[in-house]
Amino acid sequence: MVVRKVGKYELGRTIGEGTFAKVKFAQNTETGESVAMKIVDRSTIIKRKMVDQIKREISIMKLVRHPCVVRLYEVLASRTKIYIILEYITGGELFDKIVRNGRLSESEARKYFHQLIDGVDYCHSKGVYHRDLKPENLLLDSQGNLKISDFGLSALPEQGVTILKTTCGTPNYVAPEVLSHKGYNGAVADIWSCGVILYVLMAGYLPFDEMDLPTLYSKIDKAEFSCPSYFALGAKSLINRILDPNPETRITIAEIRKDEWFLKDYTPVQLIDYEHVNLDDVYAAFDDPEEQTYAQDGTRDTGPLTLNAFDLIILSQGLNLATLFDRGKDSMKHQTRFISHKPANVVLSSMEVVSQSMGFKTHIRNYKMRVEGLSANKTSHFSVILEQETQKNTLSSTRLFVVSLMTSFGSRQMHL
């Protein structure tokens, strides 16, 4: 039997299949480690104009280091396929456990809900929304701990807004504002899905489950459901606050963390220590020979200061960083400022992606980012401090974030 290999990985059985990708079991021949390999057809994503979305997804997933989120190790590519190497989770789906054993005990359901909220909150802090949360996308490791998987429908907010206009996800778990096709806040919609999941864990069945879609959508829109009598009062209260059909008044994750029922037996997840993440493989995997030729022969600027990272993850529109750089000079201005409508944590996360794609190491603390490494031509020292200002007018109140970028030469560190 011929064993198929991709790089250092031997491929095995198919363990999952979706619209745009197939997932296979694989093994690292150098370490013996088992992994999951997501295989994406390159022509499919190019034809459907999904290249930028996939790049954004992979870039952020490589930076995500949380015990409750499936880890992305690296990306490989051939002329026709893109191979995404993921952590292999052996405990199966949480959904299967519910189907097999029925509803969980209150304490076990609460434990998984703790881990779900920890993982989702972390991803939201990076500016990433899942948009398809359901028990089928919640895996269990060998110790029975929860791992959030399948970020195939997630995307960074584009063009400086957090309102998403794509209806994604499984109907039974999606928020009413998602079904309305009027645009929605991805973070708030994820909270609704977390509430449905909590209900399913404790009841063993869905709060909204109808044979025909119009009736299902109507009940979701009005939040027409009832909790079983065996639900504790605290659990009922929390679920009712989460499954609020009005996204403006729906409970936030910060408020969930203060809830009395939630806090019982809660132990915060210990975050994994920082490690440098290289994004070179992500961009190399999507390089197309024809596109490279076009870039060299076309009118694109190919000066010594390369900003492909900004274009590749489509962050320039949200942050508008292009004006900070002067390609006619070897260095940046001594001090530059720009304004972003994005929250400080999203600005930092976005700049982290860009900095690491350019080969720098990053360290974040107290809304300051230190980036270490050499610039393309000389050593540079950058310092960026995020300051929040609120600008009001008679029609609205707009919160702005001012980022100051200061440079000095002769140092091997860059502060963002």
Protein backbone atom coordinates (compact mmCIF):
# COMPACT_ATOMS: atom_id res chain seq x y z
CA MET A 1 0.00 0.00 0.00
CA VAL A 2 1.34 3.42 -0.98
CA VAL A 3 1.53 5.85 1.94
CA ARG A 4 0.74 9.38 0.88
CA LYS A 5 2.94 12.09 2.36
CA VAL A 6 2.69 15.87 2.49
CA GLY A 7 5.99 17.31 3.64
CA LYS A 8 6.91 15.55 6.89
CA TYR A 9 3.35 14.28 7.42
CA GLU A 10 1.95 10.85 6.54
CA LEU A 11 -1.76 11.00 5.68
CA GLY A 12 -4.32 8.55 7.00
CA ARG A 13 -8.10 8.26 7.05
CA THR A 14 -10.57 11.07 6.35
CA ILE A 15 -12.05 12.31 9.63
CA GLY A 16 -14.17 15.18 8.33
CA GLU A 17 -15.44 16.82 5.16
CA GLY A 18 -17.07 20.18 4.46
CA THR A 19 -18.00 22.46 1.58
CA PHE A 20 -14.51 23.78 0.92
CA ALA A 21 -12.22 21.37 2.74
CA LYS A 22 -11.50 17.78 3.74
CA VAL A 23 -9.87 16.88 7.06
CA LYS A 24 -7.54 13.88 7.33
CA PHE A 25 -5.72 12.24 10.18
CA ALA A 26 -1.95 12.63 9.74
CA GLN A 27 1.24 11.90 11.62
CA ASN A 28 4.44 13.92 11.91
CA THR A 29 7.16 11.49 10.78
CA GLU A 30 9.83 13.45 12.69
CA THR A 31 8.12 13.55 16.09
CA GLY A 32 5.43 10.88 15.82
CA GLU A 33 2.81 13.44 16.84
CA SER A 34 -0.73 12.94 15.52
CA VAL A 35 -2.32 15.96 13.81
CA ALA A 36 -5.40 16.83 11.80
CA MET A 37 -4.73 18.08 8.27
CA LYS A 38 -7.31 20.37 6.68
CA ILE A 39 -6.95 20.14 2.89
CA VAL A 40 -8.31 23.06 0.89
CA ASP A 41 -8.51 23.13 -2.90
CA ARG A 42 -6.60 26.20 -4.06
CA SER A 43 -8.69 26.74 -7.20
CA THR A 44 -11.92 26.63 -5.20
CA ILE A 45 -10.98 29.46 -2.86
CA ILE A 46 -9.56 31.52 -5.73
CA LYS A 47 -12.69 31.00 -7.82
CA ARG A 48 -14.92 31.96 -4.90
CA LYS A 49 -12.69 34.92 -4.00
CA MET A 50 -12.05 33.50 -0.54
CA VAL A 51 -8.25 33.93 -0.53
CA ASP A 52 -8.18 36.98 1.71
CA GLN A 53 -10.69 35.47 4.14
CA ILE A 54 -8.68 32.25 4.47
CA LYS A 55 -5.46 34.23 4.96
CA ARG A 56 -7.06 36.27 7.73
CA GLU A 57 -8.42 33.14 9.40
CA ILE A 58 -5.10 31.33 9.36
CA SER A 59 -3.07 34.37 10.42
CA ILE A 60 -5.18 34.89 13.52
CA MET A 61 -5.46 31.18 14.33
CA LYS A 62 -1.68 30.86 14.36
CA LEU A 63 -1.54 33.62 16.96
CA VAL A 64 -4.27 32.07 19.12
CA ARG A 65 -2.76 30.23 22.08
CA HIS A 66 -5.54 29.19 24.42
CA PRO A 67 -6.15 25.83 26.13
CA CYS A 68 -9.80 25.86 25.02
CA VAL A 69 -9.12 26.56 21.32
CA VAL A 70 -7.80 24.02 18.79
CA ARG A 71 -4.26 25.04 17.84
CA LEU A 72 -3.04 25.66 14.29
CA TYR A 73 0.58 24.54 13.87
CA GLU A 74 1.59 25.40 10.30
CA VAL A 75 0.52 25.68 6.67
CA LEU A 76 1.90 23.80 3.67
CA ALA A 77 0.98 24.03 0.00
CA SER A 78 1.28 22.37 -3.39
CA ARG A 79 0.29 23.85 -6.74
CA THR A 80 -3.29 22.66 -6.29
CA LYS A 81 -3.83 22.25 -2.52
CA ILE A 82 -3.34 24.12 0.73
CA TYR A 83 -2.70 22.00 3.83
CA ILE A 84 -3.52 23.43 7.26
CA ILE A 85 -1.96 21.45 10.12
CA LEU A 86 -4.13 21.46 13.26
CA GLU A 87 -4.01 19.99 16.74
CA TYR A 88 -5.59 16.52 16.74
CA ILE A 89 -8.22 16.14 19.45
CA THR A 90 -8.92 12.55 20.51
CA GLY A 91 -11.98 12.80 22.76
CA GLY A 92 -14.58 13.30 20.04
CA GLU A 93 -17.38 15.86 19.85
CA LEU A 94 -19.27 17.13 22.87
CA PHE A 95 -22.38 16.58 20.72
CA ASP A 96 -21.68 12.83 20.62
CA LYS A 97 -21.42 12.72 24.39
CA ILE A 98 -24.87 14.31 24.72
CA VAL A 99 -26.37 11.95 22.12
CA ARG A 100 -24.82 8.95 23.86
CA ASN A 101 -25.47 9.86 27.50
CA GLY A 102 -28.27 12.41 27.35
CA ARG A 103 -28.27 15.66 29.30
CA LEU A 104 -25.33 16.45 31.54
CA SER A 105 -25.42 17.12 35.24
CA GLU A 106 -25.57 20.77 36.25
CA SER A 107 -21.98 20.74 37.52
CA GLU A 108 -20.61 19.11 34.35
CA ALA A 109 -22.59 21.44 32.09
CA ARG A 110 -21.28 24.41 34.06
CA LYS A 111 -17.69 23.18 33.73
CA TYR A 112 -17.96 23.01 29.94
CA PHE A 113 -19.72 26.38 29.87
CA HIS A 114 -16.82 27.87 31.87
CA GLN A 115 -14.36 26.59 29.28
CA LEU A 116 -16.55 27.71 26.38
CA ILE A 117 -16.81 31.26 27.72
CA ASP A 118 -13.07 31.40 28.43
CA GLY A 119 -12.22 30.35 24.86
CA VAL A 120 -14.80 32.57 23.17
CA ASP A 121 -13.84 35.57 25.31
CA TYR A 122 -10.18 35.10 24.34
CA CYS A 123 -11.01 34.95 20.63
CA HIS A 124 -13.20 38.04 20.92
CA SER A 125 -10.30 39.87 22.56
CA LYS A 126 -8.34 39.17 19.37
CA GLY A 127 -11.17 40.57 17.25
CA VAL A 128 -12.23 37.13 16.00
CA TYR A 129 -15.82 35.85 16.07
CA HIS A 130 -16.68 32.19 15.57
CA ARG A 131 -20.22 32.62 14.13
CA ASP A 132 -20.96 28.87 14.09
CA LEU A 133 -20.81 27.80 17.72
CA LYS A 134 -22.62 24.53 18.40
CA PRO A 135 -21.86 21.27 20.28
CA GLU A 136 -20.60 19.68 17.03
CA ASN A 137 -17.81 22.28 16.95
CA LEU A 138 -16.84 21.67 20.57
CA LEU A 139 -14.33 18.83 20.92
CA LEU A 140 -13.04 17.03 24.01
CA ASP A 141 -9.38 16.22 24.60
CA SER A 142 -8.07 13.09 26.31
CA GLN A 143 -8.63 14.69 29.73
CA GLY A 144 -12.20 15.63 28.90
CA ASN A 145 -11.50 19.34 28.52
CA LEU A 146 -13.33 21.38 25.91
CA LYS A 147 -11.65 22.63 22.71
CA ILE A 148 -13.38 25.02 20.30
CA SER A 149 -12.85 23.98 16.68
CA ASP A 150 -13.84 24.92 13.14
CA PHE A 151 -13.14 28.57 12.59
CA GLY A 152 -14.05 28.12 8.91
CA LEU A 153 -16.81 30.72 9.15
CA SER A 154 -14.92 33.19 11.29
CA ALA A 155 -13.50 36.41 9.90
CA LEU A 156 -11.88 39.56 11.14
CA PRO A 157 -14.11 42.65 10.92
CA GLU A 158 -13.52 44.38 7.60
CA GLN A 159 -13.44 48.05 6.64
CA GLY A 160 -13.27 49.27 10.21
CA VAL A 161 -16.66 47.96 11.38
CA THR A 162 -17.82 45.12 13.60
CA ILE A 163 -21.17 44.70 11.88
CA LEU A 164 -21.29 41.49 9.87
CA LYS A 165 -23.80 40.91 7.11
CA THR A 166 -23.36 37.23 6.27
CA THR A 167 -25.86 34.71 7.59
CA CYS A 168 -23.69 31.89 8.88
CA GLY A 169 -24.08 29.04 11.28
CA THR A 170 -26.67 26.39 12.07
CA PRO A 171 -30.23 27.85 12.28
CA ASN A 172 -31.05 26.37 15.70
CA TYR A 173 -28.06 28.10 17.30
CA VAL A 174 -27.96 31.46 15.52
CA ALA A 175 -29.13 34.72 17.06
CA PRO A 176 -32.32 36.42 15.82
CA GLU A 177 -30.41 39.43 14.49
CA VAL A 178 -28.38 37.07 12.27
CA LEU A 179 -31.56 35.67 10.72
CA SER A 180 -32.90 39.17 10.06
CA HIS A 181 -30.19 39.90 7.44
CA LYS A 182 -29.83 43.43 8.81
CA GLY A 183 -26.25 43.13 9.98
CA TYR A 184 -25.11 42.09 13.43
CA ASN A 185 -22.30 42.29 15.95
CA GLY A 186 -20.35 39.04 15.77
CA ALA A 187 -19.40 39.01 19.45
CA VAL A 188 -22.98 39.54 20.63
CA ALA A 189 -24.27 36.84 18.25
CA ASP A 190 -21.70 34.37 19.62
CA ILE A 191 -23.03 34.97 23.14
CA TRP A 192 -26.52 33.91 22.01
CA SER A 193 -25.06 30.67 20.61
CA CYS A 194 -23.30 30.04 23.92
CA GLY A 195 -26.68 30.33 25.65
CA VAL A 196 -28.26 27.78 23.32
CA ILE A 197 -25.33 25.44 23.95
CA LEU A 198 -25.73 25.78 27.73
CA TYR A 199 -29.43 24.94 27.39
CA VAL A 200 -28.62 21.84 25.29
CA LEU A 201 -25.98 20.66 27.76
CA MET A 202 -28.43 20.84 30.65
CA ALA A 203 -31.62 19.72 28.88
CA GLY A 204 -30.33 17.30 26.25
CA TYR A 205 -32.45 18.97 23.56
CA LEU A 206 -32.72 22.31 21.76
CA PRO A 207 -34.66 25.33 23.06
CA PHE A 208 -35.70 26.15 19.47
CA ASP A 209 -36.50 23.10 17.34
CA GLU A 210 -39.27 23.10 14.71
CA MET A 211 -39.82 21.04 11.57
CA ASP A 212 -40.28 24.06 9.28
CA LEU A 213 -37.91 27.00 9.07
CA PRO A 214 -40.52 29.82 9.18
CA THR A 215 -41.82 28.58 12.53
CA LEU A 216 -38.28 28.01 13.82
CA TYR A 217 -37.21 31.53 12.79
CA SER A 218 -40.32 33.03 14.37
CA LYS A 219 -39.65 31.34 17.71
CA ILE A 220 -35.99 32.37 17.66
CA ASP A 221 -36.93 35.94 16.78
CA LYS A 222 -39.30 36.14 19.76
CA ALA A 223 -37.14 33.95 22.02
CA GLU A 224 -40.09 31.64 22.61
CA PHE A 225 -38.74 28.85 24.80
CA SER A 226 -39.12 27.49 28.30
CA CYS A 227 -36.65 25.90 30.69
CA PRO A 228 -37.35 22.46 32.21
CA SER A 229 -38.48 22.47 35.83
CA TYR A 230 -35.28 20.71 36.96
CA PHE A 231 -33.12 23.68 35.89
CA ALA A 232 -31.78 25.57 38.91
CA LEU A 233 -33.17 29.08 39.30
CA GLY A 234 -29.71 30.55 38.75
CA ALA A 235 -29.29 28.63 35.50
CA LYS A 236 -32.74 29.70 34.28
CA SER A 237 -31.98 33.33 35.05
CA LEU A 238 -28.64 33.27 33.22
CA ILE A 239 -30.05 31.49 30.16
CA ASN A 240 -32.92 33.98 29.96
CA ARG A 241 -30.45 36.88 30.05
CA ILE A 242 -28.33 35.28 27.31
CA LEU A 243 -31.27 34.35 25.07
CA ASP A 244 -32.48 37.94 24.95
CA PRO A 245 -33.76 38.61 21.40
CA ASN A 246 -32.62 42.24 21.68
CA PRO A 247 -28.84 42.35 21.06
CA GLU A 248 -28.67 45.77 22.71
CA THR A 249 -29.83 44.43 26.09
CA ARG A 250 -28.38 40.92 25.86
CA ILE A 251 -25.95 40.06 28.63
CA THR A 252 -22.24 40.51 27.82
CA ILE A 253 -19.43 38.09 28.56
CA ALA A 254 -18.14 40.47 31.23
CA GLU A 255 -21.55 40.30 32.90
CA ILE A 256 -21.70 36.51 32.52
CA ARG A 257 -18.41 36.31 34.42
CA LYS A 258 -20.04 38.14 37.35
CA ASP A 259 -23.13 35.92 37.43
CA GLU A 260 -23.58 33.96 40.68
CA TRP A 261 -24.48 30.68 38.95
CA PHE A 262 -21.51 30.98 36.58
CA LEU A 263 -19.02 31.75 39.37
CA LYS A 264 -19.74 28.55 41.30
CA ASP A 265 -16.71 26.22 41.10
CA TYR A 266 -15.16 28.51 38.46
CA THR A 267 -11.40 28.30 37.98
CA PRO A 268 -10.02 30.58 35.25
CA VAL A 269 -8.11 28.82 32.50
CA GLN A 270 -4.35 29.26 32.71
CA LEU A 271 -3.15 30.87 29.50
CA ILE A 272 -0.24 29.35 27.63
CA ASP A 273 3.04 31.23 27.94
CA TYR A 274 3.93 33.56 25.07
CA GLU A 275 5.94 32.14 22.20
CA HIS A 276 7.04 33.69 18.93
CA VAL A 277 4.79 32.78 16.00
CA ASN A 278 6.13 32.97 12.45
CA LEU A 279 3.56 33.70 9.74
CA ASP A 280 5.89 33.18 6.76
CA ASP A 281 4.35 29.78 5.95
CA VAL A 282 0.88 31.33 5.79
CA TYR A 283 1.81 33.84 3.13
CA ALA A 284 4.06 31.43 1.22
CA ALA A 285 1.22 28.91 1.01
CA PHE A 286 -0.95 31.41 -0.84
CA ASP A 287 1.74 32.72 -3.19
CA ASP A 288 0.70 32.13 -6.78
CA PRO A 289 3.39 32.13 -9.53
CA GLU A 290 1.16 34.11 -11.89
CA GLU A 291 0.28 36.64 -9.19
CA GLN A 292 3.97 37.03 -8.31
CA THR A 293 4.83 37.76 -11.95
CA TYR A 294 2.05 40.32 -12.14
CA ALA A 295 3.31 42.01 -9.00
CA GLN A 296 6.80 42.30 -10.44
CA ASP A 297 5.76 43.49 -13.89
CA GLY A 298 2.79 45.63 -12.89
CA THR A 299 2.57 49.03 -11.31
CA ARG A 300 2.77 47.85 -7.71
CA ASP A 301 5.50 49.54 -5.67
CA THR A 302 8.34 47.13 -4.89
CA GLY A 303 10.39 49.42 -2.67
CA PRO A 304 12.59 48.16 0.16
CA LEU A 305 9.84 48.58 2.79
CA THR A 306 7.36 45.83 1.94
CA LEU A 307 3.81 46.10 3.25
CA ASN A 308 2.33 42.90 1.78
CA ALA A 309 1.28 41.85 5.27
CA PHE A 310 -1.18 44.73 5.43
CA ASP A 311 -2.70 43.81 2.09
CA LEU A 312 -2.68 40.10 2.78
CA ILE A 313 -4.80 40.26 5.91
CA ILE A 314 -6.91 43.21 4.75
CA LEU A 315 -6.27 45.36 7.77
CA SER A 316 -5.20 48.57 6.11
CA GLN A 317 -8.80 49.76 5.65
CA GLY A 318 -9.62 49.23 9.32
CA LEU A 319 -6.43 50.78 10.68
CA ASN A 320 -5.31 52.91 7.75
CA LEU A 321 -1.64 52.36 8.55
CA ALA A 322 -0.35 52.94 5.04
CA THR A 323 0.08 56.67 5.64
CA LEU A 324 2.65 55.97 8.35
CA PHE A 325 5.25 54.81 5.86
CA ASP A 326 7.28 56.81 3.38
CA ARG A 327 8.68 54.51 0.72
CA GLY A 328 10.92 57.27 -0.57
CA LYS A 329 13.03 57.12 2.57
CA ASP A 330 14.90 54.38 4.37
CA SER A 331 13.21 55.09 7.67
CA MET A 332 9.93 56.14 9.21
CA LYS A 333 9.16 59.60 10.49
CA HIS A 334 10.37 60.40 14.00
CA GLN A 335 6.80 60.65 15.28
CA THR A 336 3.49 59.86 13.62
CA ARG A 337 -0.06 59.53 14.90
CA PHE A 338 -3.17 57.99 13.46
CA ILE A 339 -6.74 57.44 14.64
CA SER A 340 -8.66 54.17 14.65
CA HIS A 341 -12.32 53.51 15.45
CA LYS A 342 -11.36 49.99 16.50
CA PRO A 343 -10.94 49.11 20.22
CA ALA A 344 -7.38 49.12 21.52
CA ASN A 345 -7.24 45.32 21.87
CA VAL A 346 -8.23 44.84 18.22
CA VAL A 347 -5.66 47.44 17.07
CA LEU A 348 -2.97 45.64 19.06
CA SER A 349 -4.01 42.22 17.75
CA SER A 350 -3.99 43.47 14.16
CA MET A 351 -0.58 45.11 14.55
CA GLU A 352 0.69 41.91 16.15
CA VAL A 353 -0.27 39.93 13.04
CA VAL A 354 1.46 42.43 10.77
CA SER A 355 4.61 42.71 12.90
CA GLN A 356 5.06 38.96 13.16
CA SER A 357 4.48 38.51 9.43
CA MET A 358 7.41 40.91 8.93
CA GLY A 359 9.68 38.73 11.07
CA PHE A 360 9.54 40.61 14.37
CA LYS A 361 8.92 39.25 17.85
CA THR A 362 6.14 40.98 19.77
CA HIS A 363 5.36 41.46 23.45
CA ILE A 364 2.16 43.14 24.67
CA ARG A 365 1.60 44.63 28.10
CA ASN A 366 -0.74 47.36 29.33
CA TYR A 367 -1.82 48.40 25.82
CA LYS A 368 1.78 48.78 24.68
CA MET A 369 3.45 46.50 22.18
CA ARG A 370 7.19 45.96 22.05
CA VAL A 371 8.48 44.57 18.78
CA GLU A 372 12.00 43.19 18.71
CA GLY A 373 14.14 42.65 15.65
CA LEU A 374 16.04 44.36 12.87
CA SER A 375 14.36 46.39 10.16
CA ALA A 376 15.12 45.65 6.52
CA ASN A 377 17.99 48.14 6.23
CA LYS A 378 19.05 49.22 9.72
CA THR A 379 18.25 48.82 13.36
CA SER A 380 15.25 50.82 14.53
CA HIS A 381 13.46 51.57 17.76
CA PHE A 382 9.74 52.25 17.62
CA SER A 383 7.38 53.23 20.41
CA VAL A 384 3.63 53.23 19.96
CA ILE A 385 1.31 54.21 22.81
CA LEU A 386 -2.43 53.76 22.51
CA GLU A 387 -4.46 56.58 24.01
CA GLN A 388 -8.25 56.59 24.10
CA GLU A 389 -10.18 59.75 23.35
CA THR A 390 -13.92 60.32 23.08
CA GLN A 391 -15.13 62.75 20.46
CA LYS A 392 -18.76 63.87 20.72
CA ASN A 393 -21.02 65.88 18.50
CA THR A 394 -24.71 66.74 18.59
CA LEU A 395 -25.71 63.65 16.63
CA SER A 396 -23.62 60.88 18.12
CA SER A 397 -20.83 59.93 20.47
CA THR A 398 -17.82 58.42 18.70
CA ARG A 399 -15.02 56.70 20.57
CA LEU A 400 -11.64 57.05 18.90
CA PHE A 401 -8.24 55.58 19.67
CA VAL A 402 -5.12 57.61 18.99
CA VAL A 403 -1.94 55.64 18.29
CA SER A 404 1.40 57.43 18.62
CA LEU A 405 4.37 55.97 16.76
CA MET A 406 7.83 57.28 17.68
CA THR A 407 11.13 56.11 16.23
CA SER A 408 14.79 56.43 17.11
CA PHE A 409 17.75 54.74 15.50
CA GLY A 410 20.58 52.67 16.91
CA SER A 411 18.46 50.19 18.87
CA ARG A 412 17.55 46.60 18.06
CA GLN A 413 14.06 46.97 19.52
CA MET A 414 10.85 48.36 18.11
CA HIS A 415 7.99 49.34 20.43
CA LEU A 416 4.45 49.49 19.10
